[in-house]
PDB file of all heavy atoms in Angstrom:
ATOM      1  N   MET A   1     110.932 105.486 107.582  1.00  0.00           N
ATOM      2  CA  MET A   1     112.317 105.331 107.261  1.00  0.00           C
ATOM      3  C   MET A   1     113.099 105.139 108.552  1.00  0.00           C
ATOM      4  O   MET A   1     112.958 105.995 109.527  1.00  0.00           O
ATOM      5  CB  MET A   1     112.789 106.635 106.555  1.00  0.00           C
ATOM      6  CG  MET A   1     114.237 106.608 106.214  1.00  0.00           C
ATOM      7  SD  MET A   1     114.894 108.096 105.403  1.00  0.00           S
ATOM      8  CE  MET A   1     113.853 108.291 103.959  1.00  0.00           C
ATOM      9  N   ASN A   2     113.963 104.212 108.687  1.00  0.00           N
ATOM     10  CA  ASN A   2     114.720 103.921 109.826  1.00  0.00           C
ATOM     11  C   ASN A   2     116.006 104.819 109.804  1.00  0.00           C
ATOM     12  O   ASN A   2     116.321 105.413 108.863  1.00  0.00           O
ATOM     13  CB  ASN A   2     114.997 102.499 110.107  1.00  0.00           C
ATOM     14  CG  ASN A   2     115.919 101.873 109.060  1.00  0.00           C
ATOM     15  OD1 ASN A   2     116.794 102.574 108.519  1.00  0.00           O
ATOM     16  ND2 ASN A   2     115.696 100.597 108.733  1.00  0.00           N
ATOM     17  N   ASP A   3     116.692 104.853 110.939  1.00  0.00           N
ATOM     18  CA  ASP A   3     117.914 105.649 111.052  1.00  0.00           C
ATOM     19  C   ASP A   3     118.957 105.331 110.034  1.00  0.00           C
ATOM     20  O   ASP A   3     119.675 106.161 109.500  1.00  0.00           O
ATOM     21  CB  ASP A   3     118.567 105.559 112.469  1.00  0.00           C
ATOM     22  CG  ASP A   3     117.700 106.275 113.534  1.00  0.00           C
ATOM     23  OD1 ASP A   3     116.857 107.049 113.122  1.00  0.00           O
ATOM     24  OD2 ASP A   3     117.859 105.951 114.689  1.00  0.00           O
ATOM     25  N   ASN A   4     119.165 103.987 109.763  1.00  0.00           N
ATOM     26  CA  ASN A   4     120.162 103.546 108.735  1.00  0.00           C
ATOM     27  C   ASN A   4     119.877 104.092 107.379  1.00  0.00           C
ATOM     28  O   ASN A   4     120.664 104.542 106.712  1.00  0.00           O
ATOM     29  CB  ASN A   4     120.281 102.067 108.805  1.00  0.00           C
ATOM     30  CG  ASN A   4     121.440 101.565 108.088  1.00  0.00           C
ATOM     31  OD1 ASN A   4     122.508 102.252 107.955  1.00  0.00           O
ATOM     32  ND2 ASN A   4     121.438 100.286 107.661  1.00  0.00           N
ATOM     33  N   GLU A   5     118.548 103.998 106.981  1.00  0.00           N
ATOM     34  CA  GLU A   5     118.126 104.487 105.674  1.00  0.00           C
ATOM     35  C   GLU A   5     118.312 106.016 105.537  1.00  0.00           C
ATOM     36  O   GLU A   5     118.725 106.505 104.533  1.00  0.00           O
ATOM     37  CB  GLU A   5     116.670 104.075 105.395  1.00  0.00           C
ATOM     38  CG  GLU A   5     116.445 102.662 105.178  1.00  0.00           C
ATOM     39  CD  GLU A   5     115.003 102.303 105.065  1.00  0.00           C
ATOM     40  OE1 GLU A   5     114.164 102.972 105.642  1.00  0.00           O
ATOM     41  OE2 GLU A   5     114.657 101.266 104.436  1.00  0.00           O
ATOM     42  N   PHE A   6     117.945 106.675 106.665  1.00  0.00           N
ATOM     43  CA  PHE A   6     118.123 108.145 106.693  1.00  0.00           C
ATOM     44  C   PHE A   6     119.573 108.506 106.539  1.00  0.00           C
ATOM     45  O   PHE A   6     119.871 109.423 105.701  1.00  0.00           O
ATOM     46  CB  PHE A   6     117.573 108.742 108.008  1.00  0.00           C
ATOM     47  CG  PHE A   6     117.759 110.181 108.087  1.00  0.00           C
ATOM     48  CD1 PHE A   6     116.855 111.007 107.431  1.00  0.00           C
ATOM     49  CD2 PHE A   6     118.701 110.736 108.895  1.00  0.00           C
ATOM     50  CE1 PHE A   6     117.045 112.419 107.504  1.00  0.00           C
ATOM     51  CE2 PHE A   6     118.857 112.046 108.969  1.00  0.00           C
ATOM     52  CZ  PHE A   6     118.111 112.975 108.270  1.00  0.00           C
ATOM     53  N   GLU A   7     120.485 107.841 107.191  1.00  0.00           N
ATOM     54  CA  GLU A   7     121.959 108.169 107.080  1.00  0.00           C
ATOM     55  C   GLU A   7     122.373 107.903 105.616  1.00  0.00           C
ATOM     56  O   GLU A   7     123.216 108.695 105.154  1.00  0.00           O
ATOM     57  CB  GLU A   7     122.771 107.345 108.139  1.00  0.00           C
ATOM     58  CG  GLU A   7     122.569 107.840 109.512  1.00  0.00           C
ATOM     59  CD  GLU A   7     123.010 109.272 109.757  1.00  0.00           C
ATOM     60  OE1 GLU A   7     124.017 109.696 109.202  1.00  0.00           O
ATOM     61  OE2 GLU A   7     122.353 110.027 110.520  1.00  0.00           O
ATOM     62  N   THR A   8     121.904 106.810 105.081  1.00  0.00           N
ATOM     63  CA  THR A   8     122.336 106.506 103.695  1.00  0.00           C
ATOM     64  C   THR A   8     121.835 107.622 102.726  1.00  0.00           C
ATOM     65  O   THR A   8     122.630 108.051 101.870  1.00  0.00           O
ATOM     66  CB  THR A   8     121.728 105.182 103.305  1.00  0.00           C
ATOM     67  OG1 THR A   8     122.255 104.126 104.200  1.00  0.00           O
ATOM     68  CG2 THR A   8     122.130 104.749 101.894  1.00  0.00           C
ATOM     69  N   GLN A   9     120.623 108.039 102.856  1.00  0.00           N
ATOM     70  CA  GLN A   9     120.110 109.055 102.040  1.00  0.00           C
ATOM     71  C   GLN A   9     120.840 110.418 102.277  1.00  0.00           C
ATOM     72  O   GLN A   9     121.114 111.093 101.321  1.00  0.00           O
ATOM     73  CB  GLN A   9     118.558 109.288 102.296  1.00  0.00           C
ATOM     74  CG  GLN A   9     117.727 108.177 101.842  1.00  0.00           C
ATOM     75  CD  GLN A   9     117.567 108.168 100.262  1.00  0.00           C
ATOM     76  OE1 GLN A   9     118.497 108.624  99.590  1.00  0.00           O
ATOM     77  NE2 GLN A   9     116.515 107.575  99.826  1.00  0.00           N
ATOM     78  N   LEU A  10     121.077 110.683 103.466  1.00  0.00           N
ATOM     79  CA  LEU A  10     121.852 111.901 103.850  1.00  0.00           C
ATOM     80  C   LEU A  10     123.229 111.902 103.178  1.00  0.00           C
ATOM     81  O   LEU A  10     123.697 112.908 102.615  1.00  0.00           O
ATOM     82  CB  LEU A  10     121.944 112.090 105.317  1.00  0.00           C
ATOM     83  CG  LEU A  10     122.551 113.408 105.819  1.00  0.00           C
ATOM     84  CD1 LEU A  10     121.782 114.555 105.352  1.00  0.00           C
ATOM     85  CD2 LEU A  10     122.618 113.444 107.383  1.00  0.00           C
ATOM     86  N   ASP A  11     123.909 110.764 103.251  1.00  0.00           N
ATOM     87  CA  ASP A  11     125.220 110.576 102.639  1.00  0.00           C
ATOM     88  C   ASP A  11     125.169 110.824 101.170  1.00  0.00           C
ATOM     89  O   ASP A  11     125.997 111.502 100.470  1.00  0.00           O
ATOM     90  CB  ASP A  11     125.826 109.269 103.022  1.00  0.00           C
ATOM     91  CG  ASP A  11     127.221 109.142 102.504  1.00  0.00           C
ATOM     92  OD1 ASP A  11     128.074 110.026 102.782  1.00  0.00           O
ATOM     93  OD2 ASP A  11     127.567 108.089 101.802  1.00  0.00           O
ATOM     94  N   ARG A  12     124.093 110.313 100.504  1.00  0.00           N
ATOM     95  CA  ARG A  12     123.992 110.492  99.084  1.00  0.00           C
ATOM     96  C   ARG A  12     123.751 111.944  98.650  1.00  0.00           C
ATOM     97  O   ARG A  12     124.359 112.468  97.742  1.00  0.00           O
ATOM     98  CB  ARG A  12     122.795 109.615  98.531  1.00  0.00           C
ATOM     99  CG  ARG A  12     123.081 108.149  98.609  1.00  0.00           C
ATOM    100  CD  ARG A  12     121.827 107.286  98.312  1.00  0.00           C
ATOM    101  NE  ARG A  12     121.686 107.256  96.820  1.00  0.00           N
ATOM    102  CZ  ARG A  12     120.522 106.861  96.322  1.00  0.00           C
ATOM    103  NH1 ARG A  12     119.561 106.401  97.041  1.00  0.00           N
ATOM    104  NH2 ARG A  12     120.442 106.833  95.012  1.00  0.00           N
ATOM    105  N   VAL A  13     122.966 112.641  99.512  1.00  0.00           N
ATOM    106  CA  VAL A  13     122.773 114.077  99.245  1.00  0.00           C
ATOM    107  C   VAL A  13     124.082 114.812  99.388  1.00  0.00           C
ATOM    108  O   VAL A  13     124.393 115.731  98.560  1.00  0.00           O
ATOM    109  CB  VAL A  13     121.639 114.639 100.226  1.00  0.00           C
ATOM    110  CG1 VAL A  13     121.531 116.123 100.142  1.00  0.00           C
ATOM    111  CG2 VAL A  13     120.340 113.997  99.902  1.00  0.00           C
ATOM    112  N   ARG A  14     124.815 114.538 100.409  1.00  0.00           N
ATOM    113  CA  ARG A  14     126.107 115.193 100.604  1.00  0.00           C
ATOM    114  C   ARG A  14     127.014 114.969  99.369  1.00  0.00           C
ATOM    115  O   ARG A  14     127.722 115.936  98.963  1.00  0.00           O
ATOM    116  CB  ARG A  14     126.766 114.748 101.894  1.00  0.00           C
ATOM    117  CG  ARG A  14     126.159 115.248 103.138  1.00  0.00           C
ATOM    118  CD  ARG A  14     126.922 114.813 104.332  1.00  0.00           C
ATOM    119  NE  ARG A  14     126.235 115.263 105.556  1.00  0.00           N
ATOM    120  CZ  ARG A  14     125.983 114.536 106.633  1.00  0.00           C
ATOM    121  NH1 ARG A  14     126.447 113.269 106.601  1.00  0.00           N
ATOM    122  NH2 ARG A  14     125.365 115.032 107.639  1.00  0.00           N
ATOM    123  N   ARG A  15     127.170 113.769  98.920  1.00  0.00           N
ATOM    124  CA  ARG A  15     127.998 113.430  97.788  1.00  0.00           C
ATOM    125  C   ARG A  15     127.464 114.196  96.575  1.00  0.00           C
ATOM    126  O   ARG A  15     128.275 114.722  95.746  1.00  0.00           O
ATOM    127  CB  ARG A  15     128.095 111.994  97.501  1.00  0.00           C
ATOM    128  CG  ARG A  15     128.920 111.266  98.585  1.00  0.00           C
ATOM    129  CD  ARG A  15     129.120 109.823  98.250  1.00  0.00           C
ATOM    130  NE  ARG A  15     127.852 109.187  98.446  1.00  0.00           N
ATOM    131  CZ  ARG A  15     127.547 107.943  98.165  1.00  0.00           C
ATOM    132  NH1 ARG A  15     128.362 107.222  97.605  1.00  0.00           N
ATOM    133  NH2 ARG A  15     126.308 107.532  98.440  1.00  0.00           N
ATOM    134  N   ALA A  16     126.162 114.211  96.356  1.00  0.00           N
ATOM    135  CA  ALA A  16     125.562 114.924  95.192  1.00  0.00           C
ATOM    136  C   ALA A  16     125.948 116.483  95.247  1.00  0.00           C
ATOM    137  O   ALA A  16     126.268 117.068  94.298  1.00  0.00           O
ATOM    138  CB  ALA A  16     124.044 114.723  95.153  1.00  0.00           C
ATOM    139  N   ALA A  17     125.851 117.004  96.517  1.00  0.00           N
ATOM    140  CA  ALA A  17     126.208 118.449  96.675  1.00  0.00           C
ATOM    141  C   ALA A  17     127.610 118.677  96.326  1.00  0.00           C
ATOM    142  O   ALA A  17     127.915 119.704  95.702  1.00  0.00           O
ATOM    143  CB  ALA A  17     125.892 118.847  98.052  1.00  0.00           C
ATOM    144  N   GLU A  18     128.491 117.785  96.695  1.00  0.00           N
ATOM    145  CA  GLU A  18     129.937 117.964  96.377  1.00  0.00           C
ATOM    146  C   GLU A  18     130.124 118.061  94.870  1.00  0.00           C
ATOM    147  O   GLU A  18     130.920 118.908  94.311  1.00  0.00           O
ATOM    148  CB  GLU A  18     130.766 116.881  96.927  1.00  0.00           C
ATOM    149  CG  GLU A  18     130.929 116.900  98.528  1.00  0.00           C
ATOM    150  CD  GLU A  18     131.618 115.678  99.026  1.00  0.00           C
ATOM    151  OE1 GLU A  18     132.148 114.837  98.234  1.00  0.00           O
ATOM    152  OE2 GLU A  18     131.618 115.561 100.254  1.00  0.00           O
ATOM    153  N   VAL A  19     129.468 117.161  94.115  1.00  0.00           N
ATOM    154  CA  VAL A  19     129.583 117.121  92.698  1.00  0.00           C
ATOM    155  C   VAL A  19     129.014 118.324  92.038  1.00  0.00           C
ATOM    156  O   VAL A  19     129.572 118.974  91.188  1.00  0.00           O
ATOM    157  CB  VAL A  19     128.941 115.765  92.037  1.00  0.00           C
ATOM    158  CG1 VAL A  19     128.864 115.869  90.581  1.00  0.00           C
ATOM    159  CG2 VAL A  19     129.676 114.532  92.556  1.00  0.00           C
ATOM    160  N   VAL A  20     127.750 118.713  92.501  1.00  0.00           N
ATOM    161  CA  VAL A  20     127.139 119.902  91.913  1.00  0.00           C
ATOM    162  C   VAL A  20     127.901 121.175  92.132  1.00  0.00           C
ATOM    163  O   VAL A  20     127.964 122.107  91.373  1.00  0.00           O
ATOM    164  CB  VAL A  20     125.647 119.982  92.434  1.00  0.00           C
ATOM    165  CG1 VAL A  20     125.039 121.319  92.128  1.00  0.00           C
ATOM    166  CG2 VAL A  20     124.857 118.821  92.004  1.00  0.00           C
ATOM    167  N   ASN A  21     128.578 121.256  93.348  1.00  0.00           N
ATOM    168  CA  ASN A  21     129.410 122.436  93.627  1.00  0.00           C
ATOM    169  C   ASN A  21     130.596 122.655  92.691  1.00  0.00           C
ATOM    170  O   ASN A  21     131.152 123.684  92.522  1.00  0.00           O
ATOM    171  CB  ASN A  21     129.905 122.393  95.068  1.00  0.00           C
ATOM    172  CG  ASN A  21     128.820 122.777  96.001  1.00  0.00           C
ATOM    173  OD1 ASN A  21     127.890 123.540  95.694  1.00  0.00           O
ATOM    174  ND2 ASN A  21     128.902 122.340  97.242  1.00  0.00           N
ATOM    175  N   THR A  22     131.011 121.556  91.927  1.00  0.00           N
ATOM    176  CA  THR A  22     132.089 121.675  90.934  1.00  0.00           C
ATOM    177  C   THR A  22     131.567 122.365  89.641  1.00  0.00           C
ATOM    178  O   THR A  22     132.423 122.642  88.787  1.00  0.00           O
ATOM    179  CB  THR A  22     132.702 120.338  90.668  1.00  0.00           C
ATOM    180  OG1 THR A  22     131.788 119.500  90.045  1.00  0.00           O
ATOM    181  CG2 THR A  22     133.260 119.728  91.851  1.00  0.00           C
ATOM    182  N   LEU A  23     130.223 122.339  89.453  1.00  0.00           N
ATOM    183  CA  LEU A  23     129.637 122.895  88.213  1.00  0.00           C
ATOM    184  C   LEU A  23     129.667 124.436  88.239  1.00  0.00           C
ATOM    185  O   LEU A  23     129.726 125.049  89.338  1.00  0.00           O
ATOM    186  CB  LEU A  23     128.244 122.416  88.107  1.00  0.00           C
ATOM    187  CG  LEU A  23     127.973 120.901  87.940  1.00  0.00           C
ATOM    188  CD1 LEU A  23     126.515 120.562  87.990  1.00  0.00           C
ATOM    189  CD2 LEU A  23     128.608 120.370  86.636  1.00  0.00           C
ATOM    190  N   PRO A  24     129.542 125.077  87.088  1.00  0.00           N
ATOM    191  CA  PRO A  24     129.355 126.501  86.977  1.00  0.00           C
ATOM    192  C   PRO A  24     128.139 126.933  87.779  1.00  0.00           C
ATOM    193  O   PRO A  24     127.217 126.251  87.856  1.00  0.00           O
ATOM    194  CB  PRO A  24     129.272 126.844  85.569  1.00  0.00           C
ATOM    195  CG  PRO A  24     129.792 125.662  84.848  1.00  0.00           C
ATOM    196  CD  PRO A  24     129.549 124.467  85.750  1.00  0.00           C
ATOM    197  N   LYS A  25     128.258 128.193  88.396  1.00  0.00           N
ATOM    198  CA  LYS A  25     127.154 128.653  89.194  1.00  0.00           C
ATOM    199  C   LYS A  25     125.834 128.680  88.533  1.00  0.00           C
ATOM    200  O   LYS A  25     124.809 128.307  89.134  1.00  0.00           O
ATOM    201  CB  LYS A  25     127.468 130.103  89.688  1.00  0.00           C
ATOM    202  CG  LYS A  25     128.700 130.220  90.525  1.00  0.00           C
ATOM    203  CD  LYS A  25     128.421 129.772  91.928  1.00  0.00           C
ATOM    204  CE  LYS A  25     129.626 130.016  92.870  1.00  0.00           C
ATOM    205  NZ  LYS A  25     129.655 129.126  93.929  1.00  0.00           N
ATOM    206  N   LYS A  26     125.797 128.990  87.232  1.00  0.00           N
ATOM    207  CA  LYS A  26     124.504 129.036  86.551  1.00  0.00           C
ATOM    208  C   LYS A  26     123.852 127.672  86.324  1.00  0.00           C
ATOM    209  O   LYS A  26     122.610 127.618  86.120  1.00  0.00           O
ATOM    210  CB  LYS A  26     124.731 129.662  85.063  1.00  0.00           C
ATOM    211  CG  LYS A  26     125.008 131.141  85.151  1.00  0.00           C
ATOM    212  CD  LYS A  26     125.172 131.696  83.754  1.00  0.00           C
ATOM    213  CE  LYS A  26     125.360 133.176  83.797  1.00  0.00           C
ATOM    214  NZ  LYS A  26     125.587 133.717  82.479  1.00  0.00           N
ATOM    215  N   LEU A  27     124.677 126.626  86.397  1.00  0.00           N
ATOM    216  CA  LEU A  27     124.098 125.241  86.255  1.00  0.00           C
ATOM    217  C   LEU A  27     123.803 124.532  87.583  1.00  0.00           C
ATOM    218  O   LEU A  27     123.110 123.542  87.514  1.00  0.00           O
ATOM    219  CB  LEU A  27     125.122 124.434  85.422  1.00  0.00           C
ATOM    220  CG  LEU A  27     125.397 124.877  84.008  1.00  0.00           C
ATOM    221  CD1 LEU A  27     126.461 123.997  83.347  1.00  0.00           C
ATOM    222  CD2 LEU A  27     124.157 124.974  83.187  1.00  0.00           C
ATOM    223  N   GLN A  28     124.293 125.100  88.672  1.00  0.00           N
ATOM    224  CA  GLN A  28     124.101 124.352  89.914  1.00  0.00           C
ATOM    225  C   GLN A  28     122.628 124.153  90.333  1.00  0.00           C
ATOM    226  O   GLN A  28     122.303 123.103  90.715  1.00  0.00           O
ATOM    227  CB  GLN A  28     124.877 125.132  91.048  1.00  0.00           C
ATOM    228  CG  GLN A  28     126.384 124.937  90.943  1.00  0.00           C
ATOM    229  CD  GLN A  28     127.145 125.677  92.004  1.00  0.00           C
ATOM    230  OE1 GLN A  28     126.541 126.261  92.929  1.00  0.00           O
ATOM    231  NE2 GLN A  28     128.441 125.565  91.941  1.00  0.00           N
ATOM    232  N   ALA A  29     121.854 125.225  90.200  1.00  0.00           N
ATOM    233  CA  ALA A  29     120.451 125.167  90.610  1.00  0.00           C
ATOM    234  C   ALA A  29     119.756 124.135  89.762  1.00  0.00           C
ATOM    235  O   ALA A  29     118.978 123.334  90.356  1.00  0.00           O
ATOM    236  CB  ALA A  29     119.747 126.478  90.503  1.00  0.00           C
ATOM    237  N   THR A  30     120.022 124.134  88.478  1.00  0.00           N
ATOM    238  CA  THR A  30     119.340 123.174  87.566  1.00  0.00           C
ATOM    239  C   THR A  30     119.750 121.754  87.908  1.00  0.00           C
ATOM    240  O   THR A  30     118.972 120.872  87.943  1.00  0.00           O
ATOM    241  CB  THR A  30     119.640 123.561  86.109  1.00  0.00           C
ATOM    242  OG1 THR A  30     119.258 124.877  85.839  1.00  0.00           O
ATOM    243  CG2 THR A  30     118.947 122.587  85.202  1.00  0.00           C
ATOM    244  N   ALA A  31     120.993 121.563  88.202  1.00  0.00           N
ATOM    245  CA  ALA A  31     121.504 120.245  88.527  1.00  0.00           C
ATOM    246  C   ALA A  31     120.833 119.723  89.865  1.00  0.00           C
ATOM    247  O   ALA A  31     120.435 118.507  89.873  1.00  0.00           O
ATOM    248  CB  ALA A  31     123.038 120.261  88.787  1.00  0.00           C
ATOM    249  N   PHE A  32     120.619 120.600  90.784  1.00  0.00           N
ATOM    250  CA  PHE A  32     119.923 120.188  92.057  1.00  0.00           C
ATOM    251  C   PHE A  32     118.534 119.798  91.746  1.00  0.00           C
ATOM    252  O   PHE A  32     117.940 118.855  92.205  1.00  0.00           O
ATOM    253  CB  PHE A  32     119.994 121.278  93.077  1.00  0.00           C
ATOM    254  CG  PHE A  32     121.113 121.200  94.031  1.00  0.00           C
ATOM    255  CD1 PHE A  32     122.173 122.094  94.088  1.00  0.00           C
ATOM    256  CD2 PHE A  32     121.275 120.054  94.917  1.00  0.00           C
ATOM    257  CE1 PHE A  32     123.182 121.918  94.986  1.00  0.00           C
ATOM    258  CE2 PHE A  32     122.227 119.926  95.840  1.00  0.00           C
ATOM    259  CZ  PHE A  32     123.218 120.866  95.818  1.00  0.00           C
ATOM    260  N   GLN A  33     117.810 120.577  90.810  1.00  0.00           N
ATOM    261  CA  GLN A  33     116.474 120.265  90.483  1.00  0.00           C
ATOM    262  C   GLN A  33     116.402 118.909  89.768  1.00  0.00           C
ATOM    263  O   GLN A  33     115.392 118.169  90.001  1.00  0.00           O
ATOM    264  CB  GLN A  33     115.874 121.360  89.612  1.00  0.00           C
ATOM    265  CG  GLN A  33     115.611 122.647  90.277  1.00  0.00           C
ATOM    266  CD  GLN A  33     115.106 123.790  89.405  1.00  0.00           C
ATOM    267  OE1 GLN A  33     115.359 123.686  88.110  1.00  0.00           O
ATOM    268  NE2 GLN A  33     114.466 124.690  89.890  1.00  0.00           N
ATOM    269  N   ILE A  34     117.332 118.641  88.911  1.00  0.00           N
ATOM    270  CA  ILE A  34     117.349 117.348  88.216  1.00  0.00           C
ATOM    271  C   ILE A  34     117.496 116.212  89.239  1.00  0.00           C
ATOM    272  O   ILE A  34     116.827 115.213  89.093  1.00  0.00           O
ATOM    273  CB  ILE A  34     118.447 117.331  87.179  1.00  0.00           C
ATOM    274  CG1 ILE A  34     118.037 118.331  86.011  1.00  0.00           C
ATOM    275  CG2 ILE A  34     118.606 115.874  86.567  1.00  0.00           C
ATOM    276  CD1 ILE A  34     119.145 118.499  85.049  1.00  0.00           C
ATOM    277  N   LEU A  35     118.346 116.386  90.136  1.00  0.00           N
ATOM    278  CA  LEU A  35     118.663 115.395  91.105  1.00  0.00           C
ATOM    279  C   LEU A  35     117.558 115.081  92.060  1.00  0.00           C
ATOM    280  O   LEU A  35     117.279 113.951  92.488  1.00  0.00           O
ATOM    281  CB  LEU A  35     119.914 115.713  91.926  1.00  0.00           C
ATOM    282  CG  LEU A  35     121.256 115.549  91.175  1.00  0.00           C
ATOM    283  CD1 LEU A  35     122.385 116.101  91.988  1.00  0.00           C
ATOM    284  CD2 LEU A  35     121.538 114.090  90.707  1.00  0.00           C
ATOM    285  N   PHE A  36     116.843 116.137  92.433  1.00  0.00           N
ATOM    286  CA  PHE A  36     115.788 115.974  93.404  1.00  0.00           C
ATOM    287  C   PHE A  36     114.311 116.295  93.041  1.00  0.00           C
ATOM    288  O   PHE A  36     113.492 116.308  93.854  1.00  0.00           O
ATOM    289  CB  PHE A  36     116.149 116.881  94.685  1.00  0.00           C
ATOM    290  CG  PHE A  36     117.437 116.515  95.230  1.00  0.00           C
ATOM    291  CD1 PHE A  36     118.534 117.370  94.947  1.00  0.00           C
ATOM    292  CD2 PHE A  36     117.656 115.352  95.868  1.00  0.00           C
ATOM    293  CE1 PHE A  36     119.827 117.002  95.498  1.00  0.00           C
ATOM    294  CE2 PHE A  36     118.938 115.070  96.386  1.00  0.00           C
ATOM    295  CZ  PHE A  36     120.050 115.870  96.206  1.00  0.00           C
TER     296      PHE A  36
END
């Protein structure tokens, strides 16, 4: 994986984390598992 692909993936993970953080606490872990 080159640096550009890594930065793209990292940006996607950050955006996913922002969305998951808006979910109720009990659902956050499951949402992360589904995503990853």
